[in-house]
Amino acid sequence: MDRAKQPKSEAPAAEVIDFDEALLDAFAPEVRSRLISEAALLAQAFAPEGRAEELEAMAQTLSSGARDAEMDRRHARGLAAALRRLAHDPWAS
């Protein structure tokens, strides 16, 4: 007799969620479009070669709280997410 416990059911597979993508998707379409446009403008000005490392560094700076008095945290986080999207998909703009 085999008395070893048999699993009753498989546990559901874990889903990995990209926080930046989820954050961008949470914005209204027109706001998301403006954030991606702003990120593309910043990328052209400060990372003209569009290297992912440069865009990631800019996004990290914004995410860590470095922003001017005109930018609130919500906008900074959204802009950081848009920069990361551009870093991973340069055609996103």
PDB file of N, CA and C in Angstrom:
ATOM      1  N   MET A   1       0.827  -1.175   0.000  1.00  0.00           N
ATOM      2  CA  MET A   1       0.000   0.000   0.000  1.00  0.00           C
ATOM      3  C   MET A   1       0.874   1.242   0.000  1.00  0.00           C
ATOM      4  N   ASP A   2       0.555   2.175  -0.868  1.00  0.00           N
ATOM      5  CA  ASP A   2       1.289   3.426  -0.940  1.00  0.00           C
ATOM      6  C   ASP A   2       0.557   4.469  -0.112  1.00  0.00           C
ATOM      7  N   ARG A   3       1.165   4.807   1.048  1.00  0.00           N
ATOM      8  CA  ARG A   3       0.509   5.760   1.948  1.00  0.00           C
ATOM      9  C   ARG A   3       1.067   7.174   1.803  1.00  0.00           C
ATOM     10  N   ALA A   4       1.914   7.408   0.832  1.00  0.00           N
ATOM     11  CA  ALA A   4       2.454   8.760   0.621  1.00  0.00           C
ATOM     12  C   ALA A   4       1.315   9.686   0.192  1.00  0.00           C
ATOM     13  N   LYS A   5       1.376  10.888   0.733  1.00  0.00           N
ATOM     14  CA  LYS A   5       0.333  11.849   0.400  1.00  0.00           C
ATOM     15  C   LYS A   5       0.490  12.282  -1.051  1.00  0.00           C
ATOM     16  N   GLN A   6      -0.574  12.266  -1.739  1.00  0.00           N
ATOM     17  CA  GLN A   6      -0.618  12.733  -3.113  1.00  0.00           C
ATOM     18  C   GLN A   6      -1.202  14.147  -3.100  1.00  0.00           C
ATOM     19  N   PRO A   7      -0.605  15.027  -3.874  1.00  0.00           N
ATOM     20  CA  PRO A   7      -1.180  16.384  -3.912  1.00  0.00           C
ATOM     21  C   PRO A   7      -2.611  16.335  -4.442  1.00  0.00           C
ATOM     22  N   LYS A   8      -3.474  17.077  -3.775  1.00  0.00           N
ATOM     23  CA  LYS A   8      -4.881  17.073  -4.168  1.00  0.00           C
ATOM     24  C   LYS A   8      -5.092  17.852  -5.466  1.00  0.00           C
ATOM     25  N   SER A   9      -4.381  18.939  -5.586  1.00  0.00           N
ATOM     26  CA  SER A   9      -4.492  19.717  -6.820  1.00  0.00           C
ATOM     27  C   SER A   9      -3.232  20.566  -6.979  1.00  0.00           C
ATOM     28  N   GLU A  10      -2.970  20.915  -8.186  1.00  0.00           N
ATOM     29  CA  GLU A  10      -1.818  21.766  -8.463  1.00  0.00           C
ATOM     30  C   GLU A  10      -2.122  23.183  -7.998  1.00  0.00           C
ATOM     31  N   ALA A  11      -1.149  23.800  -7.397  1.00  0.00           N
ATOM     32  CA  ALA A  11      -1.307  25.197  -7.003  1.00  0.00           C
ATOM     33  C   ALA A  11      -1.315  26.056  -8.268  1.00  0.00           C
ATOM     34  N   PRO A  12      -2.087  27.120  -8.266  1.00  0.00           N
ATOM     35  CA  PRO A  12      -2.103  27.968  -9.462  1.00  0.00           C
ATOM     36  C   PRO A  12      -0.715  28.573  -9.697  1.00  0.00           C
ATOM     37  N   ALA A  13      -0.355  28.680 -10.933  1.00  0.00           N
ATOM     38  CA  ALA A  13       0.953  29.247 -11.277  1.00  0.00           C
ATOM     39  C   ALA A  13       0.994  30.718 -10.884  1.00  0.00           C
ATOM     40  N   ALA A  14       2.113  31.134 -10.379  1.00  0.00           N
ATOM     41  CA  ALA A  14       2.273  32.536  -9.991  1.00  0.00           C
ATOM     42  C   ALA A  14       2.428  33.380 -11.248  1.00  0.00           C
ATOM     43  N   GLU A  15       1.879  34.569 -11.209  1.00  0.00           N
ATOM     44  CA  GLU A  15       1.979  35.482 -12.332  1.00  0.00           C
ATOM     45  C   GLU A  15       2.915  36.621 -11.936  1.00  0.00           C
ATOM     46  N   VAL A  16       3.875  36.884 -12.771  1.00  0.00           N
ATOM     47  CA  VAL A  16       4.804  37.980 -12.531  1.00  0.00           C
ATOM     48  C   VAL A  16       4.243  39.214 -13.211  1.00  0.00           C
ATOM     49  N   ILE A  17       4.127  40.283 -12.446  1.00  0.00           N
ATOM     50  CA  ILE A  17       3.568  41.522 -12.973  1.00  0.00           C
ATOM     51  C   ILE A  17       4.647  42.592 -12.982  1.00  0.00           C
ATOM     52  N   ASP A  18       4.797  43.242 -14.092  1.00  0.00           N
ATOM     53  CA  ASP A  18       5.722  44.362 -14.218  1.00  0.00           C
ATOM     54  C   ASP A  18       5.028  45.589 -13.632  1.00  0.00           C
ATOM     55  N   PHE A  19       5.531  46.070 -12.498  1.00  0.00           N
ATOM     56  CA  PHE A  19       4.893  47.174 -11.799  1.00  0.00           C
ATOM     57  C   PHE A  19       4.803  48.422 -12.678  1.00  0.00           C
ATOM     58  N   ASP A  20       5.868  48.726 -13.410  1.00  0.00           N
ATOM     59  CA  ASP A  20       5.863  49.930 -14.250  1.00  0.00           C
ATOM     60  C   ASP A  20       4.793  49.835 -15.339  1.00  0.00           C
ATOM     61  N   GLU A  21       4.660  48.665 -15.951  1.00  0.00           N
ATOM     62  CA  GLU A  21       3.631  48.487 -16.972  1.00  0.00           C
ATOM     63  C   GLU A  21       2.242  48.628 -16.357  1.00  0.00           C
ATOM     64  N   ALA A  22       2.050  48.033 -15.187  1.00  0.00           N
ATOM     65  CA  ALA A  22       0.759  48.130 -14.503  1.00  0.00           C
ATOM     66  C   ALA A  22       0.456  49.579 -14.128  1.00  0.00           C
ATOM     67  N   LEU A  23       1.473  50.287 -13.669  1.00  0.00           N
ATOM     68  CA  LEU A  23       1.287  51.695 -13.305  1.00  0.00           C
ATOM     69  C   LEU A  23       0.902  52.516 -14.525  1.00  0.00           C
ATOM     70  N   LEU A  24       1.619  52.346 -15.629  1.00  0.00           N
ATOM     71  CA  LEU A  24       1.287  53.088 -16.851  1.00  0.00           C
ATOM     72  C   LEU A  24      -0.114  52.740 -17.336  1.00  0.00           C
ATOM     73  N   ASP A  25      -0.456  51.472 -17.278  1.00  0.00           N
ATOM     74  CA  ASP A  25      -1.775  51.049 -17.739  1.00  0.00           C
ATOM     75  C   ASP A  25      -2.895  51.593 -16.857  1.00  0.00           C
ATOM     76  N   ALA A  26      -2.585  51.957 -15.619  1.00  0.00           N
ATOM     77  CA  ALA A  26      -3.588  52.495 -14.705  1.00  0.00           C
ATOM     78  C   ALA A  26      -3.951  53.947 -15.036  1.00  0.00           C
ATOM     79  N   PHE A  27      -3.091  54.635 -15.768  1.00  0.00           N
ATOM     80  CA  PHE A  27      -3.384  56.011 -16.161  1.00  0.00           C
ATOM     81  C   PHE A  27      -4.413  56.014 -17.289  1.00  0.00           C
ATOM     82  N   ALA A  28      -5.171  57.085 -17.352  1.00  0.00           N
ATOM     83  CA  ALA A  28      -6.097  57.267 -18.471  1.00  0.00           C
ATOM     84  C   ALA A  28      -5.282  57.323 -19.765  1.00  0.00           C
ATOM     85  N   PRO A  29      -5.844  56.871 -20.885  1.00  0.00           N
ATOM     86  CA  PRO A  29      -5.088  56.820 -22.138  1.00  0.00           C
ATOM     87  C   PRO A  29      -4.431  58.141 -22.536  1.00  0.00           C
ATOM     88  N   GLU A  30      -5.118  59.246 -22.353  1.00  0.00           N
ATOM     89  CA  GLU A  30      -4.530  60.536 -22.742  1.00  0.00           C
ATOM     90  C   GLU A  30      -3.380  60.933 -21.818  1.00  0.00           C
ATOM     91  N   VAL A  31      -3.471  60.592 -20.542  1.00  0.00           N
ATOM     92  CA  VAL A  31      -2.383  60.874 -19.598  1.00  0.00           C
ATOM     93  C   VAL A  31      -1.188  59.978 -19.916  1.00  0.00           C
ATOM     94  N   ARG A  32      -1.462  58.710 -20.170  1.00  0.00           N
ATOM     95  CA  ARG A  32      -0.401  57.762 -20.532  1.00  0.00           C
ATOM     96  C   ARG A  32       0.325  58.228 -21.799  1.00  0.00           C
ATOM     97  N   SER A  33      -0.424  58.697 -22.763  1.00  0.00           N
ATOM     98  CA  SER A  33       0.159  59.184 -24.013  1.00  0.00           C
ATOM     99  C   SER A  33       1.060  60.392 -23.754  1.00  0.00           C
ATOM    100  N   ARG A  34       0.591  61.301 -22.887  1.00  0.00           N
ATOM    101  CA  ARG A  34       1.414  62.477 -22.550  1.00  0.00           C
ATOM    102  C   ARG A  34       2.677  62.075 -21.817  1.00  0.00           C
ATOM    103  N   LEU A  35       2.580  61.109 -20.907  1.00  0.00           N
ATOM    104  CA  LEU A  35       3.759  60.649 -20.171  1.00  0.00           C
ATOM    105  C   LEU A  35       4.794  60.020 -21.108  1.00  0.00           C
ATOM    106  N   ILE A  36       4.322  59.207 -22.035  1.00  0.00           N
ATOM    107  CA  ILE A  36       5.248  58.567 -22.981  1.00  0.00           C
ATOM    108  C   ILE A  36       5.869  59.612 -23.899  1.00  0.00           C
ATOM    109  N   SER A  37       5.083  60.609 -24.314  1.00  0.00           N
ATOM    110  CA  SER A  37       5.631  61.694 -25.147  1.00  0.00           C
ATOM    111  C   SER A  37       6.668  62.492 -24.372  1.00  0.00           C
ATOM    112  N   GLU A  38       6.371  62.782 -23.109  1.00  0.00           N
ATOM    113  CA  GLU A  38       7.322  63.525 -22.275  1.00  0.00           C
ATOM    114  C   GLU A  38       8.601  62.713 -22.056  1.00  0.00           C
ATOM    115  N   ALA A  39       8.443  61.417 -21.844  1.00  0.00           N
ATOM    116  CA  ALA A  39       9.608  60.554 -21.663  1.00  0.00           C
ATOM    117  C   ALA A  39      10.457  60.526 -22.931  1.00  0.00           C
ATOM    118  N   ALA A  40       9.809  60.470 -24.088  1.00  0.00           N
ATOM    119  CA  ALA A  40      10.547  60.468 -25.359  1.00  0.00           C
ATOM    120  C   ALA A  40      11.293  61.786 -25.545  1.00  0.00           C
ATOM    121  N   LEU A  41      10.677  62.885 -25.163  1.00  0.00           N
ATOM    122  CA  LEU A  41      11.319  64.197 -25.256  1.00  0.00           C
ATOM    123  C   LEU A  41      12.537  64.270 -24.337  1.00  0.00           C
ATOM    124  N   LEU A  42      12.381  63.797 -23.100  1.00  0.00           N
ATOM    125  CA  LEU A  42      13.506  63.765 -22.165  1.00  0.00           C
ATOM    126  C   LEU A  42      14.625  62.855 -22.675  1.00  0.00           C
ATOM    127  N   ALA A  43      14.237  61.730 -23.242  1.00  0.00           N
ATOM    128  CA  ALA A  43      15.232  60.796 -23.768  1.00  0.00           C
ATOM    129  C   ALA A  43      16.027  61.432 -24.903  1.00  0.00           C
ATOM    130  N   GLN A  44      15.343  62.157 -25.781  1.00  0.00           N
ATOM    131  CA  GLN A  44      16.041  62.825 -26.882  1.00  0.00           C
ATOM    132  C   GLN A  44      16.992  63.895 -26.370  1.00  0.00           C
ATOM    133  N   ALA A  45      16.584  64.594 -25.320  1.00  0.00           N
ATOM    134  CA  ALA A  45      17.402  65.686 -24.797  1.00  0.00           C
ATOM    135  C   ALA A  45      18.580  65.197 -23.965  1.00  0.00           C
ATOM    136  N   PHE A  46      18.348  64.194 -23.118  1.00  0.00           N
ATOM    137  CA  PHE A  46      19.366  63.794 -22.148  1.00  0.00           C
ATOM    138  C   PHE A  46      19.998  62.424 -22.412  1.00  0.00           C
ATOM    139  N   ALA A  47      19.429  61.674 -23.322  1.00  0.00           N
ATOM    140  CA  ALA A  47      19.993  60.373 -23.689  1.00  0.00           C
ATOM    141  C   ALA A  47      19.793  60.178 -25.192  1.00  0.00           C
ATOM    142  N   PRO A  48      20.436  61.050 -25.986  1.00  0.00           N
ATOM    143  CA  PRO A  48      20.169  61.035 -27.425  1.00  0.00           C
ATOM    144  C   PRO A  48      20.468  59.712 -28.118  1.00  0.00           C
ATOM    145  N   GLU A  49      21.353  58.918 -27.546  1.00  0.00           N
ATOM    146  CA  GLU A  49      21.633  57.615 -28.147  1.00  0.00           C
ATOM    147  C   GLU A  49      20.570  56.584 -27.767  1.00  0.00           C
ATOM    148  N   GLY A  50      19.744  56.934 -26.786  1.00  0.00           N
ATOM    149  CA  GLY A  50      18.645  56.067 -26.387  1.00  0.00           C
ATOM    150  C   GLY A  50      19.050  54.750 -25.762  1.00  0.00           C
ATOM    151  N   ARG A  51      20.239  54.728 -25.151  1.00  0.00           N
ATOM    152  CA  ARG A  51      20.679  53.483 -24.516  1.00  0.00           C
ATOM    153  C   ARG A  51      19.801  53.181 -23.306  1.00  0.00           C
ATOM    154  N   ALA A  52      19.473  51.928 -23.164  1.00  0.00           N
ATOM    155  CA  ALA A  52      18.598  51.494 -22.072  1.00  0.00           C
ATOM    156  C   ALA A  52      19.165  51.883 -20.713  1.00  0.00           C
ATOM    157  N   GLU A  53      20.504  51.797 -20.565  1.00  0.00           N
ATOM    158  CA  GLU A  53      21.116  52.120 -19.262  1.00  0.00           C
ATOM    159  C   GLU A  53      20.870  53.584 -18.897  1.00  0.00           C
ATOM    160  N   GLU A  54      20.948  54.472 -19.880  1.00  0.00           N
ATOM    161  CA  GLU A  54      20.722  55.899 -19.618  1.00  0.00           C
ATOM    162  C   GLU A  54      19.267  56.152 -19.217  1.00  0.00           C
ATOM    163  N   LEU A  55      18.348  55.532 -19.932  1.00  0.00           N
ATOM    164  CA  LEU A  55      16.933  55.716 -19.628  1.00  0.00           C
ATOM    165  C   LEU A  55      16.589  55.121 -18.268  1.00  0.00           C
ATOM    166  N   GLU A  56      17.155  53.967 -17.958  1.00  0.00           N
ATOM    167  CA  GLU A  56      16.935  53.343 -16.651  1.00  0.00           C
ATOM    168  C   GLU A  56      17.470  54.237 -15.532  1.00  0.00           C
ATOM    169  N   ALA A  57      18.628  54.862 -15.751  1.00  0.00           N
ATOM    170  CA  ALA A  57      19.206  55.754 -14.736  1.00  0.00           C
ATOM    171  C   ALA A  57      18.317  56.966 -14.509  1.00  0.00           C
ATOM    172  N   MET A  58      17.778  57.517 -15.584  1.00  0.00           N
ATOM    173  CA  MET A  58      16.855  58.654 -15.449  1.00  0.00           C
ATOM    174  C   MET A  58      15.604  58.235 -14.682  1.00  0.00           C
ATOM    175  N   ALA A  59      15.089  57.059 -15.013  1.00  0.00           N
ATOM    176  CA  ALA A  59      13.898  56.554 -14.337  1.00  0.00           C
ATOM    177  C   ALA A  59      14.170  56.317 -12.853  1.00  0.00           C
ATOM    178  N   GLN A  60      15.329  55.777 -12.548  1.00  0.00           N
ATOM    179  CA  GLN A  60      15.689  55.520 -11.155  1.00  0.00           C
ATOM    180  C   GLN A  60      15.779  56.823 -10.368  1.00  0.00           C
ATOM    181  N   THR A  61      16.339  57.849 -10.985  1.00  0.00           N
ATOM    182  CA  THR A  61      16.435  59.153 -10.321  1.00  0.00           C
ATOM    183  C   THR A  61      15.053  59.693  -9.992  1.00  0.00           C
ATOM    184  N   LEU A  62      14.137  59.593 -10.940  1.00  0.00           N
ATOM    185  CA  LEU A  62      12.773  60.067 -10.696  1.00  0.00           C
ATOM    186  C   LEU A  62      12.063  59.223  -9.642  1.00  0.00           C
ATOM    187  N   SER A  63      12.246  57.919  -9.697  1.00  0.00           N
ATOM    188  CA  SER A  63      11.590  57.022  -8.737  1.00  0.00           C
ATOM    189  C   SER A  63      12.101  57.207  -7.318  1.00  0.00           C
ATOM    190  N   SER A  64      13.361  57.615  -7.199  1.00  0.00           N
ATOM    191  CA  SER A  64      13.949  57.753  -5.869  1.00  0.00           C
ATOM    192  C   SER A  64      13.563  59.053  -5.187  1.00  0.00           C
ATOM    193  N   GLY A  65      12.801  59.895  -5.875  1.00  0.00           N
ATOM    194  CA  GLY A  65      12.322  61.120  -5.239  1.00  0.00           C
ATOM    195  C   GLY A  65      13.008  62.381  -5.708  1.00  0.00           C
ATOM    196  N   ALA A  66      13.973  62.281  -6.597  1.00  0.00           N
ATOM    197  CA  ALA A  66      14.658  63.469  -7.106  1.00  0.00           C
ATOM    198  C   ALA A  66      13.791  64.100  -8.186  1.00  0.00           C
ATOM    199  N   ARG A  67      13.136  65.179  -7.847  1.00  0.00           N
ATOM    200  CA  ARG A  67      12.288  65.904  -8.797  1.00  0.00           C
ATOM    201  C   ARG A  67      12.211  67.352  -8.357  1.00  0.00           C
ATOM    202  N   ASP A  68      11.797  68.212  -9.251  1.00  0.00           N
ATOM    203  CA  ASP A  68      11.717  69.624  -8.871  1.00  0.00           C
ATOM    204  C   ASP A  68      10.370  69.932  -8.231  1.00  0.00           C
ATOM    205  N   ALA A  69      10.196  71.162  -7.810  1.00  0.00           N
ATOM    206  CA  ALA A  69       8.987  71.551  -7.094  1.00  0.00           C
ATOM    207  C   ALA A  69       7.748  71.500  -7.983  1.00  0.00           C
ATOM    208  N   GLU A  70       7.927  71.524  -9.301  1.00  0.00           N
ATOM    209  CA  GLU A  70       6.795  71.526 -10.216  1.00  0.00           C
ATOM    210  C   GLU A  70       6.244  70.130 -10.502  1.00  0.00           C
ATOM    211  N   MET A  71       6.958  69.096 -10.084  1.00  0.00           N
ATOM    212  CA  MET A  71       6.546  67.729 -10.404  1.00  0.00           C
ATOM    213  C   MET A  71       6.149  66.993  -9.128  1.00  0.00           C
ATOM    214  N   ASP A  72       4.903  66.521  -9.103  1.00  0.00           N
ATOM    215  CA  ASP A  72       4.474  65.747  -7.935  1.00  0.00           C
ATOM    216  C   ASP A  72       4.923  64.295  -8.067  1.00  0.00           C
ATOM    217  N   ARG A  73       4.802  63.562  -6.987  1.00  0.00           N
ATOM    218  CA  ARG A  73       5.287  62.169  -6.950  1.00  0.00           C
ATOM    219  C   ARG A  73       4.575  61.289  -7.973  1.00  0.00           C
ATOM    220  N   ARG A  74       3.283  61.470  -8.121  1.00  0.00           N
ATOM    221  CA  ARG A  74       2.510  60.659  -9.058  1.00  0.00           C
ATOM    222  C   ARG A  74       3.038  60.842 -10.479  1.00  0.00           C
ATOM    223  N   HIS A  75       3.270  62.093 -10.856  1.00  0.00           N
ATOM    224  CA  HIS A  75       3.776  62.377 -12.197  1.00  0.00           C
ATOM    225  C   HIS A  75       5.192  61.815 -12.369  1.00  0.00           C
ATOM    226  N   ALA A  76       6.018  61.979 -11.342  1.00  0.00           N
ATOM    227  CA  ALA A  76       7.396  61.476 -11.411  1.00  0.00           C
ATOM    228  C   ALA A  76       7.416  59.961 -11.576  1.00  0.00           C
ATOM    229  N   ARG A  77       6.568  59.247 -10.827  1.00  0.00           N
ATOM    230  CA  ARG A  77       6.520  57.786 -10.948  1.00  0.00           C
ATOM    231  C   ARG A  77       5.999  57.366 -12.313  1.00  0.00           C
ATOM    232  N   GLY A  78       4.997  58.084 -12.820  1.00  0.00           N
ATOM    233  CA  GLY A  78       4.471  57.778 -14.149  1.00  0.00           C
ATOM    234  C   GLY A  78       5.508  58.027 -15.234  1.00  0.00           C
ATOM    235  N   LEU A  79       6.246  59.116 -15.094  1.00  0.00           N
ATOM    236  CA  LEU A  79       7.297  59.440 -16.059  1.00  0.00           C
ATOM    237  C   LEU A  79       8.426  58.415 -15.993  1.00  0.00           C
ATOM    238  N   ALA A  80       8.757  57.971 -14.794  1.00  0.00           N
ATOM    239  CA  ALA A  80       9.777  56.932 -14.632  1.00  0.00           C
ATOM    240  C   ALA A  80       9.324  55.635 -15.313  1.00  0.00           C
ATOM    241  N   ALA A  81       8.061  55.287 -15.149  1.00  0.00           N
ATOM    242  CA  ALA A  81       7.533  54.080 -15.793  1.00  0.00           C
ATOM    243  C   ALA A  81       7.576  54.225 -17.313  1.00  0.00           C
ATOM    244  N   ALA A  82       7.266  55.405 -17.821  1.00  0.00           N
ATOM    245  CA  ALA A  82       7.315  55.642 -19.265  1.00  0.00           C
ATOM    246  C   ALA A  82       8.756  55.562 -19.776  1.00  0.00           C
ATOM    247  N   LEU A  83       9.708  56.084 -19.010  1.00  0.00           N
ATOM    248  CA  LEU A  83      11.115  55.975 -19.406  1.00  0.00           C
ATOM    249  C   LEU A  83      11.564  54.520 -19.440  1.00  0.00           C
ATOM    250  N   ARG A  84      11.121  53.744 -18.469  1.00  0.00           N
ATOM    251  CA  ARG A  84      11.482  52.325 -18.462  1.00  0.00           C
ATOM    252  C   ARG A  84      10.849  51.589 -19.649  1.00  0.00           C
ATOM    253  N   ARG A  85       9.634  51.978 -19.999  1.00  0.00           N
ATOM    254  CA  ARG A  85       9.007  51.359 -21.169  1.00  0.00           C
ATOM    255  C   ARG A  85       9.833  51.671 -22.416  1.00  0.00           C
ATOM    256  N   LEU A  86      10.274  52.922 -22.543  1.00  0.00           N
ATOM    257  CA  LEU A  86      11.114  53.290 -23.684  1.00  0.00           C
ATOM    258  C   LEU A  86      12.444  52.547 -23.665  1.00  0.00           C
ATOM    259  N   ALA A  87      12.976  52.318 -22.470  1.00  0.00           N
ATOM    260  CA  ALA A  87      14.237  51.596 -22.355  1.00  0.00           C
ATOM    261  C   ALA A  87      14.104  50.163 -22.864  1.00  0.00           C
ATOM    262  N   HIS A  88      12.944  49.564 -22.622  1.00  0.00           N
ATOM    263  CA  HIS A  88      12.727  48.173 -23.018  1.00  0.00           C
ATOM    264  C   HIS A  88      12.111  48.045 -24.411  1.00  0.00           C
ATOM    265  N   ASP A  89      11.389  49.086 -24.823  1.00  0.00           N
ATOM    266  CA  ASP A  89      10.732  49.067 -26.134  1.00  0.00           C
ATOM    267  C   ASP A  89      10.842  50.452 -26.748  1.00  0.00           C
ATOM    268  N   PRO A  90      11.931  50.731 -27.473  1.00  0.00           N
ATOM    269  CA  PRO A  90      12.133  52.074 -28.037  1.00  0.00           C
ATOM    270  C   PRO A  90      11.053  52.498 -29.004  1.00  0.00           C
ATOM    271  N   TRP A  91      10.246  51.570 -29.491  1.00  0.00           N
ATOM    272  CA  TRP A  91       9.182  51.909 -30.436  1.00  0.00           C
ATOM    273  C   TRP A  91       7.888  52.244 -29.711  1.00  0.00           C
ATOM    274  N   ALA A  92       7.905  52.272 -28.365  1.00  0.00           N
ATOM    275  CA  ALA A  92       6.685  52.517 -27.590  1.00  0.00           C
ATOM    276  C   ALA A  92       6.152  53.932 -27.795  1.00  0.00           C
ATOM    277  N   SER A  93       7.015  54.861 -28.147  1.00  0.00           N
ATOM    278  CA  SER A  93       6.538  56.240 -28.336  1.00  0.00           C
ATOM    279  C   SER A  93       5.819  56.321 -29.640  1.00  0.00           C
TER     280      SER A  93
END
